[in-house]
């Protein structure tokens, strides 16, 4: 993502991030840096709320090889209907 997009998302996501657990709050800036677009960030943010998925995200980032590709694969494997609904709600708040 480009810097203006990162700033926009972080400003609008501030309340959501503020009420998240410490581990999710600490991971959010890294997700902003590694996500290719806004939707990917939102999906990764929602996925990071689950301990097992958060551990997978952290291990992908720590290995520092093909981060974008591996995060995309994780998104494809772990995304379900309830997460997509949450993402749509977040997108509406960010865009509107």
PDB file of N, CA and C in Angstrom:
ATOM      1  N   UNK A   1       0.840  -1.180   0.000  1.00  0.00           N
ATOM      2  CA  UNK A   1       0.000   0.000   0.000  1.00  0.00           C
ATOM      3  C   UNK A   1       0.886   1.244   0.000  1.00  0.00           C
ATOM      4  N   UNK A   2       0.314   2.325  -0.457  1.00  0.00           N
ATOM      5  CA  UNK A   2       1.023   3.598  -0.490  1.00  0.00           C
ATOM      6  C   UNK A   2       0.847   4.310   0.844  1.00  0.00           C
ATOM      7  N   UNK A   3       1.755   5.207   1.165  1.00  0.00           N
ATOM      8  CA  UNK A   3       1.709   5.917   2.445  1.00  0.00           C
ATOM      9  C   UNK A   3       0.389   6.635   2.701  1.00  0.00           C
ATOM     10  N   UNK A   4      -0.175   7.357   1.719  1.00  0.00           N
ATOM     11  CA  UNK A   4      -1.461   8.028   1.990  1.00  0.00           C
ATOM     12  C   UNK A   4      -2.571   7.044   2.378  1.00  0.00           C
ATOM     13  N   UNK A   5      -2.561   5.867   1.742  1.00  0.00           N
ATOM     14  CA  UNK A   5      -3.553   4.842   2.084  1.00  0.00           C
ATOM     15  C   UNK A   5      -3.343   4.352   3.512  1.00  0.00           C
ATOM     16  N   UNK A   6      -2.089   4.153   3.891  1.00  0.00           N
ATOM     17  CA  UNK A   6      -1.776   3.680   5.236  1.00  0.00           C
ATOM     18  C   UNK A   6      -2.240   4.690   6.273  1.00  0.00           C
ATOM     19  N   UNK A   7      -1.962   5.961   6.018  1.00  0.00           N
ATOM     20  CA  UNK A   7      -2.370   7.023   6.954  1.00  0.00           C
ATOM     21  C   UNK A   7      -3.891   7.077   7.063  1.00  0.00           C
ATOM     22  N   UNK A   8      -4.574   7.019   5.920  1.00  0.00           N
ATOM     23  CA  UNK A   8      -6.037   7.073   5.912  1.00  0.00           C
ATOM     24  C   UNK A   8      -6.636   5.910   6.705  1.00  0.00           C
ATOM     25  N   UNK A   9      -6.159   4.711   6.431  1.00  0.00           N
ATOM     26  CA  UNK A   9      -6.699   3.538   7.112  1.00  0.00           C
ATOM     27  C   UNK A   9      -6.399   3.586   8.603  1.00  0.00           C
ATOM     28  N   UNK A  10      -5.166   3.927   8.953  1.00  0.00           N
ATOM     29  CA  UNK A  10      -4.819   3.940  10.376  1.00  0.00           C
ATOM     30  C   UNK A  10      -5.622   4.985  11.143  1.00  0.00           C
ATOM     31  N   UNK A  11      -5.903   6.126  10.518  1.00  0.00           N
ATOM     32  CA  UNK A  11      -6.726   7.140  11.184  1.00  0.00           C
ATOM     33  C   UNK A  11      -8.164   6.658  11.381  1.00  0.00           C
ATOM     34  N   UNK A  12      -8.705   5.999  10.368  1.00  0.00           N
ATOM     35  CA  UNK A  12     -10.087   5.550  10.454  1.00  0.00           C
ATOM     36  C   UNK A  12     -10.234   4.276  11.285  1.00  0.00           C
ATOM     37  N   UNK A  13      -9.176   3.468  11.371  1.00  0.00           N
ATOM     38  CA  UNK A  13      -9.223   2.220  12.133  1.00  0.00           C
ATOM     39  C   UNK A  13      -8.824   2.424  13.593  1.00  0.00           C
ATOM     40  N   UNK A  14      -8.408   3.609  13.938  1.00  0.00           N
ATOM     41  CA  UNK A  14      -7.925   3.886  15.286  1.00  0.00           C
ATOM     42  C   UNK A  14      -8.840   3.369  16.397  1.00  0.00           C
ATOM     43  N   UNK A  15     -10.157   3.616  16.342  1.00  0.00           N
ATOM     44  CA  UNK A  15     -11.025   3.090  17.410  1.00  0.00           C
ATOM     45  C   UNK A  15     -11.043   1.558  17.466  1.00  0.00           C
ATOM     46  N   UNK A  16     -11.057   0.911  16.303  1.00  0.00           N
ATOM     47  CA  UNK A  16     -11.072  -0.556  16.269  1.00  0.00           C
ATOM     48  C   UNK A  16      -9.784  -1.126  16.833  1.00  0.00           C
ATOM     49  N   UNK A  17      -8.681  -0.501  16.478  1.00  0.00           N
ATOM     50  CA  UNK A  17      -7.386  -0.978  16.953  1.00  0.00           C
ATOM     51  C   UNK A  17      -7.246  -0.711  18.449  1.00  0.00           C
ATOM     52  N   UNK A  18      -7.757   0.433  18.897  1.00  0.00           N
ATOM     53  CA  UNK A  18      -7.622   0.810  20.298  1.00  0.00           C
ATOM     54  C   UNK A  18      -8.288  -0.198  21.230  1.00  0.00           C
ATOM     55  N   UNK A  19      -9.399  -0.773  20.819  1.00  0.00           N
ATOM     56  CA  UNK A  19     -10.130  -1.701  21.674  1.00  0.00           C
ATOM     57  C   UNK A  19      -9.744  -3.156  21.452  1.00  0.00           C
ATOM     58  N   UNK A  20      -8.723  -3.392  20.642  1.00  0.00           N
ATOM     59  CA  UNK A  20      -8.255  -4.755  20.415  1.00  0.00           C
ATOM     60  C   UNK A  20      -7.253  -5.144  21.496  1.00  0.00           C
ATOM     61  N   UNK A  21      -6.928  -6.413  21.534  1.00  0.00           N
ATOM     62  CA  UNK A  21      -5.941  -6.883  22.513  1.00  0.00           C
ATOM     63  C   UNK A  21      -4.561  -6.324  22.157  1.00  0.00           C
ATOM     64  N   UNK A  22      -3.643  -6.381  23.116  1.00  0.00           N
ATOM     65  CA  UNK A  22      -2.303  -5.832  22.900  1.00  0.00           C
ATOM     66  C   UNK A  22      -1.600  -6.480  21.719  1.00  0.00           C
ATOM     67  N   UNK A  23      -1.731  -7.782  21.607  1.00  0.00           N
ATOM     68  CA  UNK A  23      -1.024  -8.466  20.522  1.00  0.00           C
ATOM     69  C   UNK A  23      -1.550  -8.044  19.150  1.00  0.00           C
ATOM     70  N   UNK A  24      -2.838  -7.793  19.049  1.00  0.00           N
ATOM     71  CA  UNK A  24      -3.416  -7.334  17.774  1.00  0.00           C
ATOM     72  C   UNK A  24      -2.970  -5.902  17.504  1.00  0.00           C
ATOM     73  N   UNK A  25      -2.961  -5.065  18.526  1.00  0.00           N
ATOM     74  CA  UNK A  25      -2.519  -3.671  18.349  1.00  0.00           C
ATOM     75  C   UNK A  25      -1.069  -3.605  17.894  1.00  0.00           C
ATOM     76  N   UNK A  26      -0.235  -4.463  18.438  1.00  0.00           N
ATOM     77  CA  UNK A  26       1.171  -4.456  18.055  1.00  0.00           C
ATOM     78  C   UNK A  26       1.392  -4.984  16.644  1.00  0.00           C
ATOM     79  N   UNK A  27       0.520  -5.861  16.196  1.00  0.00           N
ATOM     80  CA  UNK A  27       0.654  -6.450  14.870  1.00  0.00           C
ATOM     81  C   UNK A  27       0.078  -5.555  13.769  1.00  0.00           C
ATOM     82  N   UNK A  28      -0.864  -4.693  14.106  1.00  0.00           N
ATOM     83  CA  UNK A  28      -1.549  -3.865  13.106  1.00  0.00           C
ATOM     84  C   UNK A  28      -0.601  -3.033  12.238  1.00  0.00           C
ATOM     85  N   UNK A  29       0.405  -2.349  12.796  1.00  0.00           N
ATOM     86  CA  UNK A  29       1.305  -1.580  11.913  1.00  0.00           C
ATOM     87  C   UNK A  29       2.064  -2.454  10.913  1.00  0.00           C
ATOM     88  N   UNK A  30       2.452  -3.644  11.329  1.00  0.00           N
ATOM     89  CA  UNK A  30       3.135  -4.552  10.405  1.00  0.00           C
ATOM     90  C   UNK A  30       2.187  -4.987   9.293  1.00  0.00           C
ATOM     91  N   UNK A  31       0.937  -5.225   9.659  1.00  0.00           N
ATOM     92  CA  UNK A  31      -0.042  -5.612   8.653  1.00  0.00           C
ATOM     93  C   UNK A  31      -0.245  -4.493   7.640  1.00  0.00           C
ATOM     94  N   UNK A  32      -0.254  -3.260   8.120  1.00  0.00           N
ATOM     95  CA  UNK A  32      -0.389  -2.122   7.205  1.00  0.00           C
ATOM     96  C   UNK A  32       0.774  -2.077   6.220  1.00  0.00           C
ATOM     97  N   UNK A  33       1.959  -2.404   6.693  1.00  0.00           N
ATOM     98  CA  UNK A  33       3.133  -2.369   5.818  1.00  0.00           C
ATOM     99  C   UNK A  33       3.145  -3.505   4.804  1.00  0.00           C
ATOM    100  N   UNK A  34       2.679  -4.671   5.196  1.00  0.00           N
ATOM    101  CA  UNK A  34       2.788  -5.834   4.328  1.00  0.00           C
ATOM    102  C   UNK A  34       1.541  -6.109   3.485  1.00  0.00           C
ATOM    103  N   UNK A  35       0.429  -5.530   3.822  1.00  0.00           N
ATOM    104  CA  UNK A  35      -0.785  -5.746   3.029  1.00  0.00           C
ATOM    105  C   UNK A  35      -0.656  -5.026   1.694  1.00  0.00           C
ATOM    106  N   UNK A  36      -1.137  -5.659   0.652  1.00  0.00           N
ATOM    107  CA  UNK A  36      -1.027  -5.068  -0.685  1.00  0.00           C
ATOM    108  C   UNK A  36      -2.124  -4.046  -0.948  1.00  0.00           C
ATOM    109  N   UNK A  37      -3.254  -4.182  -0.256  1.00  0.00           N
ATOM    110  CA  UNK A  37      -4.341  -3.223  -0.440  1.00  0.00           C
ATOM    111  C   UNK A  37      -5.174  -3.162   0.837  1.00  0.00           C
ATOM    112  N   UNK A  38      -6.144  -2.266   0.824  1.00  0.00           N
ATOM    113  CA  UNK A  38      -6.967  -2.034   2.015  1.00  0.00           C
ATOM    114  C   UNK A  38      -7.738  -3.281   2.433  1.00  0.00           C
ATOM    115  N   UNK A  39      -8.300  -3.971   1.476  1.00  0.00           N
ATOM    116  CA  UNK A  39      -9.093  -5.165   1.793  1.00  0.00           C
ATOM    117  C   UNK A  39      -8.218  -6.251   2.423  1.00  0.00           C
ATOM    118  N   UNK A  40      -7.020  -6.453   1.893  1.00  0.00           N
ATOM    119  CA  UNK A  40      -6.112  -7.439   2.477  1.00  0.00           C
ATOM    120  C   UNK A  40      -5.765  -7.075   3.917  1.00  0.00           C
ATOM    121  N   UNK A  41      -5.537  -5.781   4.152  1.00  0.00           N
ATOM    122  CA  UNK A  41      -5.245  -5.364   5.523  1.00  0.00           C
ATOM    123  C   UNK A  41      -6.410  -5.694   6.448  1.00  0.00           C
ATOM    124  N   UNK A  42      -7.621  -5.363   6.016  1.00  0.00           N
ATOM    125  CA  UNK A  42      -8.784  -5.611   6.856  1.00  0.00           C
ATOM    126  C   UNK A  42      -8.962  -7.102   7.128  1.00  0.00           C
ATOM    127  N   UNK A  43      -8.750  -7.931   6.112  1.00  0.00           N
ATOM    128  CA  UNK A  43      -8.842  -9.380   6.308  1.00  0.00           C
ATOM    129  C   UNK A  43      -7.779  -9.861   7.288  1.00  0.00           C
ATOM    130  N   UNK A  44      -6.555  -9.402   7.104  1.00  0.00           N
ATOM    131  CA  UNK A  44      -5.480  -9.812   8.016  1.00  0.00           C
ATOM    132  C   UNK A  44      -5.739  -9.305   9.430  1.00  0.00           C
ATOM    133  N   UNK A  45      -6.287  -8.105   9.533  1.00  0.00           N
ATOM    134  CA  UNK A  45      -6.600  -7.550  10.853  1.00  0.00           C
ATOM    135  C   UNK A  45      -7.631  -8.419  11.561  1.00  0.00           C
ATOM    136  N   UNK A  46      -8.679  -8.799  10.849  1.00  0.00           N
ATOM    137  CA  UNK A  46      -9.701  -9.663  11.446  1.00  0.00           C
ATOM    138  C   UNK A  46      -9.137 -11.036  11.775  1.00  0.00           C
ATOM    139  N   UNK A  47      -8.320 -11.583  10.887  1.00  0.00           N
ATOM    140  CA  UNK A  47      -7.721 -12.887  11.143  1.00  0.00           C
ATOM    141  C   UNK A  47      -6.762 -12.845  12.335  1.00  0.00           C
ATOM    142  N   UNK A  48      -6.116 -11.712  12.527  1.00  0.00           N
ATOM    143  CA  UNK A  48      -5.156 -11.604  13.628  1.00  0.00           C
ATOM    144  C   UNK A  48      -5.826 -11.613  14.999  1.00  0.00           C
ATOM    145  N   UNK A  49      -7.129 -11.485  15.035  1.00  0.00           N
ATOM    146  CA  UNK A  49      -7.850 -11.524  16.310  1.00  0.00           C
ATOM    147  C   UNK A  49      -7.934 -12.942  16.874  1.00  0.00           C
ATOM    148  N   UNK A  50      -7.637 -13.938  16.037  1.00  0.00           N
ATOM    149  CA  UNK A  50      -7.644 -15.334  16.478  1.00  0.00           C
ATOM    150  C   UNK A  50      -6.204 -15.762  16.757  1.00  0.00           C
ATOM    151  N   UNK A  51      -5.973 -16.333  17.922  1.00  0.00           N
ATOM    152  CA  UNK A  51      -4.624 -16.667  18.369  1.00  0.00           C
ATOM    153  C   UNK A  51      -3.856 -17.529  17.363  1.00  0.00           C
ATOM    154  N   UNK A  52      -4.461 -18.593  16.882  1.00  0.00           N
ATOM    155  CA  UNK A  52      -3.760 -19.508  15.977  1.00  0.00           C
ATOM    156  C   UNK A  52      -3.359 -18.810  14.679  1.00  0.00           C
ATOM    157  N   UNK A  53      -4.275 -18.035  14.128  1.00  0.00           N
ATOM    158  CA  UNK A  53      -3.978 -17.330  12.881  1.00  0.00           C
ATOM    159  C   UNK A  53      -2.950 -16.232  13.121  1.00  0.00           C
ATOM    160  N   UNK A  54      -3.048 -15.560  14.251  1.00  0.00           N
ATOM    161  CA  UNK A  54      -2.082 -14.506  14.581  1.00  0.00           C
ATOM    162  C   UNK A  54      -0.680 -15.094  14.650  1.00  0.00           C
ATOM    163  N   UNK A  55      -0.552 -16.277  15.241  1.00  0.00           N
ATOM    164  CA  UNK A  55       0.755 -16.930  15.308  1.00  0.00           C
ATOM    165  C   UNK A  55       1.285 -17.246  13.917  1.00  0.00           C
ATOM    166  N   UNK A  56       0.397 -17.669  13.015  1.00  0.00           N
ATOM    167  CA  UNK A  56       0.819 -17.949  11.640  1.00  0.00           C
ATOM    168  C   UNK A  56       1.278 -16.673  10.939  1.00  0.00           C
ATOM    169  N   UNK A  57       0.549 -15.586  11.151  1.00  0.00           N
ATOM    170  CA  UNK A  57       0.916 -14.302  10.536  1.00  0.00           C
ATOM    171  C   UNK A  57       2.284 -13.859  11.040  1.00  0.00           C
ATOM    172  N   UNK A  58       2.491 -13.952  12.341  1.00  0.00           N
ATOM    173  CA  UNK A  58       3.770 -13.542  12.931  1.00  0.00           C
ATOM    174  C   UNK A  58       4.909 -14.401  12.393  1.00  0.00           C
ATOM    175  N   UNK A  59       4.692 -15.700  12.271  1.00  0.00           N
ATOM    176  CA  UNK A  59       5.760 -16.568  11.766  1.00  0.00           C
ATOM    177  C   UNK A  59       6.079 -16.258  10.305  1.00  0.00           C
ATOM    178  N   UNK A  60       5.071 -15.922   9.512  1.00  0.00           N
ATOM    179  CA  UNK A  60       5.311 -15.540   8.110  1.00  0.00           C
ATOM    180  C   UNK A  60       6.139 -14.262   8.057  1.00  0.00           C
ATOM    181  N   UNK A  61       5.787 -13.285   8.877  1.00  0.00           N
ATOM    182  CA  UNK A  61       6.510 -12.008   8.878  1.00  0.00           C
ATOM    183  C   UNK A  61       7.943 -12.195   9.377  1.00  0.00           C
ATOM    184  N   UNK A  62       8.139 -13.027  10.383  1.00  0.00           N
ATOM    185  CA  UNK A  62       9.484 -13.255  10.924  1.00  0.00           C
ATOM    186  C   UNK A  62      10.403 -13.939   9.921  1.00  0.00           C
ATOM    187  N   UNK A  63       9.863 -14.861   9.124  1.00  0.00           N
ATOM    188  CA  UNK A  63      10.704 -15.578   8.159  1.00  0.00           C
ATOM    189  C   UNK A  63      11.203 -14.653   7.057  1.00  0.00           C
ATOM    190  N   UNK A  64      10.436 -13.604   6.749  1.00  0.00           N
ATOM    191  CA  UNK A  64      10.847 -12.559   5.817  1.00  0.00           C
ATOM    192  C   UNK A  64      11.149 -13.087   4.407  1.00  0.00           C
ATOM    193  N   UNK A  65      10.436 -14.119   3.976  1.00  0.00           N
ATOM    194  CA  UNK A  65      10.586 -14.606   2.604  1.00  0.00           C
ATOM    195  C   UNK A  65       9.206 -14.721   1.968  1.00  0.00           C
ATOM    196  N   UNK A  66       9.038 -14.062   0.850  1.00  0.00           N
ATOM    197  CA  UNK A  66       7.760 -14.080   0.121  1.00  0.00           C
ATOM    198  C   UNK A  66       6.578 -13.739   1.029  1.00  0.00           C
ATOM    199  N   UNK A  67       6.714 -12.692   1.797  1.00  0.00           N
ATOM    200  CA  UNK A  67       5.691 -12.327   2.783  1.00  0.00           C
ATOM    201  C   UNK A  67       4.346 -12.092   2.101  1.00  0.00           C
ATOM    202  N   UNK A  68       4.335 -11.313   1.038  1.00  0.00           N
ATOM    203  CA  UNK A  68       3.073 -10.990   0.363  1.00  0.00           C
ATOM    204  C   UNK A  68       2.385 -12.249  -0.155  1.00  0.00           C
ATOM    205  N   UNK A  69       3.154 -13.121  -0.764  1.00  0.00           N
ATOM    206  CA  UNK A  69       2.590 -14.353  -1.325  1.00  0.00           C
ATOM    207  C   UNK A  69       2.027 -15.249  -0.221  1.00  0.00           C
ATOM    208  N   UNK A  70       2.768 -15.405   0.863  1.00  0.00           N
ATOM    209  CA  UNK A  70       2.320 -16.285   1.943  1.00  0.00           C
ATOM    210  C   UNK A  70       1.122 -15.709   2.688  1.00  0.00           C
ATOM    211  N   UNK A  71       1.078 -14.387   2.836  1.00  0.00           N
ATOM    212  CA  UNK A  71      -0.086 -13.769   3.468  1.00  0.00           C
ATOM    213  C   UNK A  71      -1.321 -13.941   2.583  1.00  0.00           C
ATOM    214  N   UNK A  72      -1.166 -13.828   1.270  1.00  0.00           N
ATOM    215  CA  UNK A  72      -2.287 -14.058   0.351  1.00  0.00           C
ATOM    216  C   UNK A  72      -2.815 -15.489   0.484  1.00  0.00           C
ATOM    217  N   UNK A  73      -1.895 -16.453   0.576  1.00  0.00           N
ATOM    218  CA  UNK A  73      -2.297 -17.850   0.735  1.00  0.00           C
ATOM    219  C   UNK A  73      -3.060 -18.050   2.043  1.00  0.00           C
ATOM    220  N   UNK A  74      -2.591 -17.413   3.106  1.00  0.00           N
ATOM    221  CA  UNK A  74      -3.267 -17.503   4.401  1.00  0.00           C
ATOM    222  C   UNK A  74      -4.665 -16.920   4.323  1.00  0.00           C
ATOM    223  N   UNK A  75      -4.807 -15.792   3.639  1.00  0.00           N
ATOM    224  CA  UNK A  75      -6.120 -15.167   3.469  1.00  0.00           C
ATOM    225  C   UNK A  75      -7.065 -16.117   2.745  1.00  0.00           C
ATOM    226  N   UNK A  76      -6.585 -16.740   1.689  1.00  0.00           N
ATOM    227  CA  UNK A  76      -7.428 -17.668   0.923  1.00  0.00           C
ATOM    228  C   UNK A  76      -7.866 -18.856   1.760  1.00  0.00           C
ATOM    229  N   UNK A  77      -6.966 -19.374   2.579  1.00  0.00           N
ATOM    230  CA  UNK A  77      -7.275 -20.564   3.384  1.00  0.00           C
ATOM    231  C   UNK A  77      -8.203 -20.264   4.548  1.00  0.00           C
ATOM    232  N   UNK A  78      -8.030 -19.129   5.188  1.00  0.00           N
ATOM    233  CA  UNK A  78      -8.700 -18.874   6.459  1.00  0.00           C
ATOM    234  C   UNK A  78      -9.962 -18.023   6.379  1.00  0.00           C
ATOM    235  N   UNK A  79     -10.218 -17.382   5.262  1.00  0.00           N
ATOM    236  CA  UNK A  79     -11.365 -16.489   5.158  1.00  0.00           C
ATOM    237  C   UNK A  79     -12.660 -17.299   5.084  1.00  0.00           C
ATOM    238  N   UNK A  80     -13.637 -16.877   5.896  1.00  0.00           N
ATOM    239  CA  UNK A  80     -14.951 -17.521   5.869  1.00  0.00           C
ATOM    240  C   UNK A  80     -16.048 -16.456   5.823  1.00  0.00           C
ATOM    241  N   UNK A  81     -17.299 -16.870   5.816  1.00  0.00           N
ATOM    242  CA  UNK A  81     -18.425 -15.935   5.643  1.00  0.00           C
ATOM    243  C   UNK A  81     -18.513 -14.899   6.763  1.00  0.00           C
ATOM    244  N   UNK A  82     -18.281 -15.308   7.994  1.00  0.00           N
ATOM    245  CA  UNK A  82     -18.404 -14.349   9.106  1.00  0.00           C
ATOM    246  C   UNK A  82     -17.318 -13.284   9.028  1.00  0.00           C
ATOM    247  N   UNK A  83     -16.126 -13.675   8.603  1.00  0.00           N
ATOM    248  CA  UNK A  83     -15.048 -12.692   8.463  1.00  0.00           C
ATOM    249  C   UNK A  83     -15.350 -11.747   7.308  1.00  0.00           C
ATOM    250  N   UNK A  84     -15.888 -12.263   6.224  1.00  0.00           N
ATOM    251  CA  UNK A  84     -16.241 -11.407   5.084  1.00  0.00           C
ATOM    252  C   UNK A  84     -17.301 -10.390   5.489  1.00  0.00           C
ATOM    253  N   UNK A  85     -18.257 -10.799   6.304  1.00  0.00           N
ATOM    254  CA  UNK A  85     -19.283  -9.872   6.788  1.00  0.00           C
ATOM    255  C   UNK A  85     -18.655  -8.771   7.644  1.00  0.00           C
ATOM    256  N   UNK A  86     -17.737  -9.143   8.519  1.00  0.00           N
ATOM    257  CA  UNK A  86     -17.052  -8.145   9.351  1.00  0.00           C
ATOM    258  C   UNK A  86     -16.253  -7.174   8.486  1.00  0.00           C
ATOM    259  N   UNK A  87     -15.626  -7.699   7.447  1.00  0.00           N
ATOM    260  CA  UNK A  87     -14.839  -6.865   6.543  1.00  0.00           C
ATOM    261  C   UNK A  87     -15.732  -5.860   5.831  1.00  0.00           C
ATOM    262  N   UNK A  88     -16.890  -6.303   5.374  1.00  0.00           N
ATOM    263  CA  UNK A  88     -17.818  -5.396   4.701  1.00  0.00           C
ATOM    264  C   UNK A  88     -18.253  -4.277   5.643  1.00  0.00           C
ATOM    265  N   UNK A  89     -18.519  -4.623   6.904  1.00  0.00           N
ATOM    266  CA  UNK A  89     -18.890  -3.609   7.883  1.00  0.00           C
ATOM    267  C   UNK A  89     -17.750  -2.608   8.101  1.00  0.00           C
ATOM    268  N   UNK A  90     -16.527  -3.123   8.220  1.00  0.00           N
ATOM    269  CA  UNK A  90     -15.372  -2.236   8.393  1.00  0.00           C
ATOM    270  C   UNK A  90     -15.172  -1.345   7.170  1.00  0.00           C
ATOM    271  N   UNK A  91     -15.309  -1.911   5.980  1.00  0.00           N
ATOM    272  CA  UNK A  91     -15.158  -1.130   4.764  1.00  0.00           C
ATOM    273  C   UNK A  91     -16.181  -0.009   4.683  1.00  0.00           C
ATOM    274  N   UNK A  92     -17.414  -0.288   5.095  1.00  0.00           N
ATOM    275  CA  UNK A  92     -18.447   0.748   5.090  1.00  0.00           C
ATOM    276  C   UNK A  92     -18.092   1.881   6.039  1.00  0.00           C
ATOM    277  N   UNK A  93     -17.563   1.520   7.214  1.00  0.00           N
ATOM    278  CA  UNK A  93     -17.172   2.570   8.173  1.00  0.00           C
ATOM    279  C   UNK A  93     -16.001   3.373   7.654  1.00  0.00           C
ATOM    280  N   UNK A  94     -15.047   2.715   7.016  1.00  0.00           N
ATOM    281  CA  UNK A  94     -13.864   3.426   6.507  1.00  0.00           C
ATOM    282  C   UNK A  94     -14.221   4.304   5.321  1.00  0.00           C
ATOM    283  N   UNK A  95     -15.024   3.766   4.401  1.00  0.00           N
ATOM    284  CA  UNK A  95     -15.348   4.508   3.187  1.00  0.00           C
ATOM    285  C   UNK A  95     -16.461   5.529   3.381  1.00  0.00           C
ATOM    286  N   UNK A  96     -17.292   5.324   4.376  1.00  0.00           N
ATOM    287  CA  UNK A  96     -18.456   6.195   4.524  1.00  0.00           C
ATOM    288  C   UNK A  96     -18.428   6.923   5.746  1.00  0.00           C
TER     289      UNK A  96
END
